[in-house]
Every structure is written in structure tokens, then in C-alpha cells.
Amino acid sequence: MRIITHKAIVQYAELHSDVKLALDEWYIKAEQSQWNCFADVKQTFNSVDNVGNKRYVFNIKGNSYRLIALIIFVPKIVYIRFIGTHSEYDKIKDCSKI
């Protein structure tokens, strides 16, 4: 998959060093994947949720952090839309619109 906005991961990890390793692992797994559908994503990341509108929520570092990505399967592109703590994620009213 092609990850758009990898810079978001780098910048977030610079500010939150405790999650850097987990974000790097997520990035490597996602980049090496060839997802064609949600079932493929689920096979790679068992804790992922489909929240609608092509948005998927990943639990990062034992659910301490959340990453929301827009995944477009046909061109194999992943857009990172949000990275934050679980409590920051809880403040989002509708993550399918993020």
C-alpha cells in the first residue's frame, strides 16, 4: 500500500516518543500489505474497525492510541486522517467524516 502523509506519523512520534515504535510497526505492516478489501486489512490488523465512508480505525499500542485512515483499495492508497490518544479519539463525533 502507498501511505500518504507518512509525515503525520513522524511528527506525532516526535511529540509522543512512547508510541514511536508502535507507529513505525503499523507503517511497515501497512506499507508491505496489498489490501483489496476490509477482510485483508482485518487479517493484518485484527483490531481494526470499519467506521464507514472508507474510514478505518486502528488501535495502536494496546489501544492507548488510535489512528484513523481513509483506505482506497483500487489504487492501494492509505491516507492518514488522525493520530491521537484514545481520549482524544473519543471526542470525535463522527470519525467517518474525518
N, C-alpha and C. Protein backbone atom coordinates (compact mmCIF):
# COMPACT_ATOMS: atom_id res chain seq x y z
N MET A 1 0.85 -1.18 0.00
CA MET A 1 0.00 0.00 0.00
C MET A 1 0.89 1.24 0.00
N ARG A 2 0.37 2.27 -0.57
CA ARG A 2 1.08 3.56 -0.56
C ARG A 2 0.49 4.40 0.56
N ILE A 3 1.32 4.77 1.51
CA ILE A 3 0.86 5.55 2.67
C ILE A 3 1.07 7.03 2.39
N ILE A 4 -0.03 7.77 2.36
CA ILE A 4 0.05 9.21 2.16
C ILE A 4 0.08 9.86 3.55
N THR A 5 0.85 10.86 3.68
CA THR A 5 1.04 11.61 4.92
C THR A 5 1.82 10.81 5.97
N HIS A 6 2.85 10.10 5.51
CA HIS A 6 3.75 9.44 6.47
C HIS A 6 4.34 10.49 7.42
N LYS A 7 4.44 11.70 6.93
CA LYS A 7 4.95 12.80 7.75
C LYS A 7 4.13 12.96 9.02
N ALA A 8 2.83 12.68 8.96
CA ALA A 8 1.98 12.77 10.15
C ALA A 8 2.44 11.80 11.23
N ILE A 9 2.84 10.61 10.83
CA ILE A 9 3.35 9.62 11.79
C ILE A 9 4.65 10.11 12.40
N VAL A 10 5.54 10.59 11.56
CA VAL A 10 6.85 11.07 12.03
C VAL A 10 6.68 12.22 13.02
N GLN A 11 5.85 13.18 12.65
CA GLN A 11 5.65 14.34 13.52
C GLN A 11 4.98 13.96 14.83
N TYR A 12 3.99 13.08 14.78
CA TYR A 12 3.31 12.66 16.01
C TYR A 12 4.27 11.90 16.91
N ALA A 13 5.09 11.04 16.33
CA ALA A 13 6.05 10.25 17.10
C ALA A 13 7.12 11.13 17.75
N GLU A 14 7.46 12.23 17.10
CA GLU A 14 8.43 13.16 17.68
C GLU A 14 7.88 13.78 18.97
N LEU A 15 6.59 14.04 19.00
CA LEU A 15 5.96 14.65 20.17
C LEU A 15 5.57 13.62 21.24
N HIS A 16 5.37 12.37 20.82
CA HIS A 16 4.92 11.31 21.72
C HIS A 16 5.83 10.10 21.52
N SER A 17 7.01 10.16 22.10
CA SER A 17 8.02 9.13 21.86
C SER A 17 7.60 7.74 22.33
N ASP A 18 6.67 7.66 23.27
CA ASP A 18 6.24 6.36 23.77
C ASP A 18 5.48 5.53 22.73
N VAL A 19 4.99 6.17 21.68
CA VAL A 19 4.22 5.45 20.66
C VAL A 19 5.00 5.29 19.35
N LYS A 20 6.22 5.81 19.30
CA LYS A 20 7.00 5.78 18.07
C LYS A 20 7.17 4.37 17.53
N LEU A 21 7.59 3.43 18.34
CA LEU A 21 7.81 2.07 17.87
C LEU A 21 6.53 1.44 17.32
N ALA A 22 5.42 1.64 18.02
CA ALA A 22 4.14 1.07 17.59
C ALA A 22 3.69 1.69 16.26
N LEU A 23 3.87 2.99 16.09
CA LEU A 23 3.51 3.64 14.83
C LEU A 23 4.42 3.18 13.69
N ASP A 24 5.70 3.03 13.97
CA ASP A 24 6.63 2.53 12.95
C ASP A 24 6.25 1.11 12.52
N GLU A 25 5.86 0.27 13.47
CA GLU A 25 5.44 -1.09 13.15
C GLU A 25 4.17 -1.07 12.30
N TRP A 26 3.21 -0.20 12.66
CA TRP A 26 1.99 -0.09 11.88
C TRP A 26 2.32 0.32 10.44
N TYR A 27 3.17 1.33 10.31
CA TYR A 27 3.54 1.84 8.99
C TYR A 27 4.18 0.74 8.13
N ILE A 28 5.12 0.01 8.68
CA ILE A 28 5.82 -1.04 7.92
C ILE A 28 4.83 -2.12 7.48
N LYS A 29 3.98 -2.57 8.39
CA LYS A 29 2.99 -3.60 8.03
C LYS A 29 2.03 -3.10 6.95
N ALA A 30 1.54 -1.88 7.12
CA ALA A 30 0.60 -1.32 6.15
C ALA A 30 1.26 -1.14 4.79
N GLU A 31 2.46 -0.62 4.79
CA GLU A 31 3.16 -0.36 3.53
C GLU A 31 3.45 -1.67 2.77
N GLN A 32 3.75 -2.73 3.48
CA GLN A 32 4.08 -4.00 2.85
C GLN A 32 2.84 -4.80 2.42
N SER A 33 1.68 -4.35 2.83
CA SER A 33 0.44 -5.06 2.53
C SER A 33 -0.08 -4.73 1.14
N GLN A 34 -0.93 -5.60 0.64
CA GLN A 34 -1.60 -5.40 -0.66
C GLN A 34 -3.10 -5.64 -0.44
N TRP A 35 -3.73 -4.78 0.34
CA TRP A 35 -5.13 -4.96 0.69
C TRP A 35 -6.05 -4.73 -0.51
N ASN A 36 -7.03 -5.62 -0.62
CA ASN A 36 -8.05 -5.48 -1.66
C ASN A 36 -9.43 -5.23 -1.07
N CYS A 37 -9.57 -5.47 0.23
CA CYS A 37 -10.86 -5.31 0.90
C CYS A 37 -10.64 -5.25 2.41
N PHE A 38 -11.71 -4.97 3.14
CA PHE A 38 -11.62 -4.87 4.61
C PHE A 38 -11.13 -6.17 5.23
N ALA A 39 -11.53 -7.30 4.69
CA ALA A 39 -11.09 -8.59 5.24
C ALA A 39 -9.57 -8.72 5.21
N ASP A 40 -8.93 -8.18 4.18
CA ASP A 40 -7.47 -8.19 4.10
C ASP A 40 -6.85 -7.33 5.19
N VAL A 41 -7.45 -6.17 5.43
CA VAL A 41 -6.96 -5.27 6.49
C VAL A 41 -7.11 -5.97 7.84
N LYS A 42 -8.25 -6.60 8.04
CA LYS A 42 -8.54 -7.30 9.29
C LYS A 42 -7.57 -8.45 9.53
N GLN A 43 -7.12 -9.07 8.46
CA GLN A 43 -6.15 -10.15 8.58
C GLN A 43 -4.79 -9.62 9.05
N THR A 44 -4.44 -8.42 8.61
CA THR A 44 -3.18 -7.80 9.01
C THR A 44 -3.28 -7.20 10.41
N PHE A 45 -4.36 -6.49 10.68
CA PHE A 45 -4.59 -5.83 11.96
C PHE A 45 -5.94 -6.29 12.51
N ASN A 46 -5.91 -7.26 13.38
CA ASN A 46 -7.14 -7.85 13.91
C ASN A 46 -8.05 -6.85 14.61
N SER A 47 -7.47 -5.80 15.19
CA SER A 47 -8.27 -4.85 15.98
C SER A 47 -8.80 -3.67 15.18
N VAL A 48 -8.72 -3.71 13.86
CA VAL A 48 -9.21 -2.60 13.04
C VAL A 48 -10.73 -2.62 12.96
N ASP A 49 -11.32 -1.43 12.89
CA ASP A 49 -12.77 -1.30 12.74
C ASP A 49 -13.09 -0.46 11.51
N ASN A 50 -14.10 -0.87 10.77
CA ASN A 50 -14.61 -0.11 9.64
C ASN A 50 -15.69 0.82 10.19
N VAL A 51 -15.48 2.13 10.08
CA VAL A 51 -16.43 3.10 10.62
C VAL A 51 -17.24 3.79 9.53
N GLY A 52 -17.12 3.30 8.30
CA GLY A 52 -17.90 3.85 7.20
C GLY A 52 -17.15 4.90 6.41
N ASN A 53 -17.64 5.18 5.23
CA ASN A 53 -17.09 6.21 4.35
C ASN A 53 -15.60 5.96 4.06
N LYS A 54 -15.23 4.69 3.92
CA LYS A 54 -13.86 4.27 3.62
C LYS A 54 -12.87 4.60 4.74
N ARG A 55 -13.38 4.87 5.94
CA ARG A 55 -12.52 5.17 7.09
C ARG A 55 -12.39 3.93 7.97
N TYR A 56 -11.17 3.73 8.48
CA TYR A 56 -10.86 2.58 9.32
C TYR A 56 -10.08 3.06 10.54
N VAL A 57 -10.45 2.52 11.69
CA VAL A 57 -9.81 2.91 12.95
C VAL A 57 -8.93 1.76 13.43
N PHE A 58 -7.67 2.08 13.67
CA PHE A 58 -6.69 1.12 14.14
C PHE A 58 -6.33 1.43 15.59
N ASN A 59 -6.29 0.39 16.41
CA ASN A 59 -5.80 0.52 17.78
C ASN A 59 -4.29 0.43 17.72
N ILE A 60 -3.64 1.40 18.33
CA ILE A 60 -2.19 1.46 18.33
C ILE A 60 -1.69 1.37 19.78
N LYS A 61 -0.66 0.61 19.98
CA LYS A 61 -0.03 0.43 21.29
C LYS A 61 -1.05 0.00 22.34
N GLY A 62 -1.65 -1.14 22.09
CA GLY A 62 -2.58 -1.71 23.07
C GLY A 62 -3.79 -0.85 23.33
N ASN A 63 -4.27 -0.15 22.32
CA ASN A 63 -5.46 0.69 22.40
C ASN A 63 -5.24 2.00 23.17
N SER A 64 -4.00 2.34 23.45
CA SER A 64 -3.71 3.63 24.08
C SER A 64 -3.85 4.78 23.09
N TYR A 65 -3.61 4.47 21.82
CA TYR A 65 -3.68 5.46 20.74
C TYR A 65 -4.59 4.92 19.65
N ARG A 66 -5.08 5.81 18.82
CA ARG A 66 -5.92 5.45 17.69
C ARG A 66 -5.38 6.15 16.44
N LEU A 67 -5.52 5.46 15.32
CA LEU A 67 -5.16 6.02 14.03
C LEU A 67 -6.35 5.80 13.11
N ILE A 68 -6.81 6.88 12.49
CA ILE A 68 -7.90 6.78 11.52
C ILE A 68 -7.29 6.97 10.13
N ALA A 69 -7.62 6.03 9.25
CA ALA A 69 -7.11 6.10 7.88
C ALA A 69 -8.25 5.96 6.89
N LEU A 70 -8.14 6.69 5.81
CA LEU A 70 -9.02 6.51 4.67
C LEU A 70 -8.29 5.57 3.73
N ILE A 71 -8.91 4.45 3.40
CA ILE A 71 -8.26 3.46 2.53
C ILE A 71 -9.04 3.36 1.22
N ILE A 72 -8.33 3.58 0.13
CA ILE A 72 -8.90 3.40 -1.20
C ILE A 72 -8.20 2.18 -1.79
N PHE A 73 -8.95 1.08 -1.89
CA PHE A 73 -8.36 -0.20 -2.22
C PHE A 73 -7.87 -0.33 -3.66
N VAL A 74 -8.59 0.23 -4.62
CA VAL A 74 -8.23 0.02 -6.02
C VAL A 74 -6.87 0.62 -6.37
N PRO A 75 -6.58 1.87 -6.02
CA PRO A 75 -5.22 2.33 -6.29
C PRO A 75 -4.24 1.99 -5.16
N LYS A 76 -4.75 1.30 -4.09
CA LYS A 76 -3.91 0.87 -2.96
C LYS A 76 -3.26 2.05 -2.24
N ILE A 77 -4.13 2.98 -1.81
CA ILE A 77 -3.66 4.18 -1.12
C ILE A 77 -4.28 4.26 0.26
N VAL A 78 -3.47 4.64 1.23
CA VAL A 78 -3.91 4.84 2.60
C VAL A 78 -3.60 6.29 2.99
N TYR A 79 -4.63 7.04 3.33
CA TYR A 79 -4.46 8.42 3.80
C TYR A 79 -4.64 8.44 5.31
N ILE A 80 -3.65 8.89 6.01
CA ILE A 80 -3.76 9.01 7.47
C ILE A 80 -4.54 10.29 7.76
N ARG A 81 -5.66 10.15 8.47
CA ARG A 81 -6.53 11.28 8.75
C ARG A 81 -6.43 11.77 10.18
N PHE A 82 -6.03 10.89 11.12
CA PHE A 82 -5.97 11.26 12.53
C PHE A 82 -5.06 10.29 13.26
N ILE A 83 -4.25 10.84 14.17
CA ILE A 83 -3.50 10.05 15.13
C ILE A 83 -3.69 10.75 16.47
N GLY A 84 -4.05 10.00 17.49
CA GLY A 84 -4.24 10.61 18.79
C GLY A 84 -4.43 9.58 19.88
N THR A 85 -4.53 10.07 21.10
CA THR A 85 -4.78 9.18 22.22
C THR A 85 -6.21 8.67 22.15
N HIS A 86 -6.47 7.65 22.92
CA HIS A 86 -7.83 7.11 22.95
C HIS A 86 -8.81 8.17 23.43
N SER A 87 -8.42 8.98 24.42
CA SER A 87 -9.33 10.02 24.92
C SER A 87 -9.55 11.12 23.88
N GLU A 88 -8.54 11.46 23.09
CA GLU A 88 -8.72 12.43 22.00
C GLU A 88 -9.66 11.86 20.93
N TYR A 89 -9.51 10.58 20.65
CA TYR A 89 -10.38 9.92 19.68
C TYR A 89 -11.83 9.94 20.15
N ASP A 90 -12.05 9.74 21.44
CA ASP A 90 -13.40 9.71 21.99
C ASP A 90 -14.14 11.03 21.79
N LYS A 91 -13.41 12.12 21.59
CA LYS A 91 -14.03 13.43 21.40
C LYS A 91 -14.53 13.65 19.96
N ILE A 92 -14.14 12.77 19.06
CA ILE A 92 -14.57 12.88 17.67
C ILE A 92 -16.02 12.40 17.57
N LYS A 93 -16.87 13.25 17.04
CA LYS A 93 -18.31 12.92 16.96
C LYS A 93 -18.59 11.87 15.89
N ASP A 94 -17.97 12.01 14.74
CA ASP A 94 -18.22 11.07 13.64
C ASP A 94 -16.91 10.88 12.88
N CYS A 95 -16.20 9.82 13.21
CA CYS A 95 -14.90 9.63 12.58
C CYS A 95 -15.00 9.18 11.12
N SER A 96 -16.20 8.88 10.64
CA SER A 96 -16.35 8.57 9.22
C SER A 96 -16.26 9.83 8.36
N LYS A 97 -16.27 11.00 9.00
CA LYS A 97 -16.18 12.25 8.25
C LYS A 97 -14.84 12.96 8.43
N ILE A 98 -13.94 12.34 9.13
CA ILE A 98 -12.64 12.97 9.39
C ILE A 98 -11.71 12.83 8.21
